[in-house]
C-alpha atoms as a PDB file:
ATOM      1  CA  UNK A   1     110.808  19.346 101.526  1.00  0.00           C
ATOM      2  CA  UNK A   2     111.326  18.698 105.243  1.00  0.00           C
ATOM      3  CA  UNK A   3     114.794  18.650 106.796  1.00  0.00           C
ATOM      4  CA  UNK A   4     115.770  17.718 110.332  1.00  0.00           C
ATOM      5  CA  UNK A   5     119.038  19.042 111.769  1.00  0.00           C
ATOM      6  CA  UNK A   6     120.516  20.498 114.951  1.00  0.00           C
ATOM      7  CA  UNK A   7     121.378  24.120 115.719  1.00  0.00           C
ATOM      8  CA  UNK A   8     122.728  25.337 119.041  1.00  0.00           C
ATOM      9  CA  UNK A   9     122.178  21.857 120.500  1.00  0.00           C
ATOM     10  CA  UNK A  10     118.453  21.804 119.649  1.00  0.00           C
ATOM     11  CA  UNK A  11     116.581  19.859 116.996  1.00  0.00           C
ATOM     12  CA  UNK A  12     115.114  21.903 114.156  1.00  0.00           C
ATOM     13  CA  UNK A  13     112.641  20.854 111.463  1.00  0.00           C
ATOM     14  CA  UNK A  14     112.716  23.045 108.369  1.00  0.00           C
ATOM     15  CA  UNK A  15     110.106  23.380 105.636  1.00  0.00           C
ATOM     16  CA  UNK A  16     111.696  24.297 102.314  1.00  0.00           C
ATOM     17  CA  UNK A  17     110.580  24.647  98.727  1.00  0.00           C
ATOM     18  CA  UNK A  18     112.285  21.806  96.849  1.00  0.00           C
ATOM     19  CA  UNK A  19     114.408  22.837  93.895  1.00  0.00           C
ATOM     20  CA  UNK A  20     117.903  23.538  92.603  1.00  0.00           C
ATOM     21  CA  UNK A  21     118.307  26.954  94.324  1.00  0.00           C
ATOM     22  CA  UNK A  22     120.039  26.334  97.666  1.00  0.00           C
ATOM     23  CA  UNK A  23     119.853  30.010  98.715  1.00  0.00           C
ATOM     24  CA  UNK A  24     116.071  30.089  99.213  1.00  0.00           C
ATOM     25  CA  UNK A  25     115.034  30.830 102.828  1.00  0.00           C
ATOM     26  CA  UNK A  26     112.859  28.252 104.590  1.00  0.00           C
ATOM     27  CA  UNK A  27     109.081  28.638 104.652  1.00  0.00           C
ATOM     28  CA  UNK A  28     109.210  27.828 108.356  1.00  0.00           C
ATOM     29  CA  UNK A  29     111.416  26.439 111.141  1.00  0.00           C
ATOM     30  CA  UNK A  30     109.974  24.307 113.933  1.00  0.00           C
ATOM     31  CA  UNK A  31     112.220  24.064 117.007  1.00  0.00           C
ATOM     32  CA  UNK A  32     112.200  21.031 119.321  1.00  0.00           C
ATOM     33  CA  UNK A  33     109.837  19.162 116.974  1.00  0.00           C
ATOM     34  CA  UNK A  34     108.000  16.069 118.116  1.00  0.00           C
ATOM     35  CA  UNK A  35     105.770  13.638 116.301  1.00  0.00           C
ATOM     36  CA  UNK A  36     102.170  14.572 117.137  1.00  0.00           C
ATOM     37  CA  UNK A  37     100.224  12.074 115.011  1.00  0.00           C
ATOM     38  CA  UNK A  38     100.688   9.599 112.201  1.00  0.00           C
ATOM     39  CA  UNK A  39      97.918   7.765 110.350  1.00  0.00           C
ATOM     40  CA  UNK A  40      97.472   6.468 106.813  1.00  0.00           C
ATOM     41  CA  UNK A  41      99.112   9.052 104.539  1.00  0.00           C
ATOM     42  CA  UNK A  42      99.357  11.939 107.042  1.00  0.00           C
ATOM     43  CA  UNK A  43     101.854  12.971 109.682  1.00  0.00           C
ATOM     44  CA  UNK A  44     101.822  15.893 112.132  1.00  0.00           C
ATOM     45  CA  UNK A  45     104.704  17.552 113.943  1.00  0.00           C
ATOM     46  CA  UNK A  46     104.407  19.904 116.941  1.00  0.00           C
ATOM     47  CA  UNK A  47     106.964  22.382 118.245  1.00  0.00           C
ATOM     48  CA  UNK A  48     107.862  26.045 118.675  1.00  0.00           C
ATOM     49  CA  UNK A  49     108.158  28.501 115.803  1.00  0.00           C
ATOM     50  CA  UNK A  50     109.575  32.026 116.132  1.00  0.00           C
ATOM     51  CA  UNK A  51     107.621  34.674 114.242  1.00  0.00           C
ATOM     52  CA  UNK A  52     109.139  38.115 114.611  1.00  0.00           C
ATOM     53  CA  UNK A  53     110.253  38.337 118.233  1.00  0.00           C
ATOM     54  CA  UNK A  54     107.569  35.981 119.617  1.00  0.00           C
ATOM     55  CA  UNK A  55     107.481  32.198 119.999  1.00  0.00           C
ATOM     56  CA  UNK A  56     104.354  30.235 119.092  1.00  0.00           C
ATOM     57  CA  UNK A  57     103.333  26.603 119.591  1.00  0.00           C
ATOM     58  CA  UNK A  58     102.642  25.189 116.132  1.00  0.00           C
ATOM     59  CA  UNK A  59     101.375  21.932 114.684  1.00  0.00           C
ATOM     60  CA  UNK A  60     102.376  21.185 111.123  1.00  0.00           C
ATOM     61  CA  UNK A  61     100.133  18.791 109.223  1.00  0.00           C
ATOM     62  CA  UNK A  62     101.685  16.986 106.256  1.00  0.00           C
ATOM     63  CA  UNK A  63      99.800  14.849 103.766  1.00  0.00           C
ATOM     64  CA  UNK A  64     101.705  12.471 101.548  1.00  0.00           C
ATOM     65  CA  UNK A  65     100.056  12.140  98.164  1.00  0.00           C
ATOM     66  CA  UNK A  66     100.110   8.697  96.669  1.00  0.00           C
ATOM     67  CA  UNK A  67      99.580   7.671  93.081  1.00  0.00           C
ATOM     68  CA  UNK A  68      96.174   8.623  91.633  1.00  0.00           C
ATOM     69  CA  UNK A  69      93.435   6.065  92.086  1.00  0.00           C
ATOM     70  CA  UNK A  70      91.911   4.592  88.959  1.00  0.00           C
END
């Protein structure tokens, strides 16, 4: 599940495991996200992710699965 919110005046995109437990930490947080690409059933976001004490430029690639083809 992706969530977009603001913290400390900056946009933040969070990647979470969907489910009933609200206390699960996010799988990742992308700060100052921007739309990098969008085509057919895929979308990519780019931004900064903090891992440990270092910041990294990341691109997240998301594929939306549609119904199975017959």
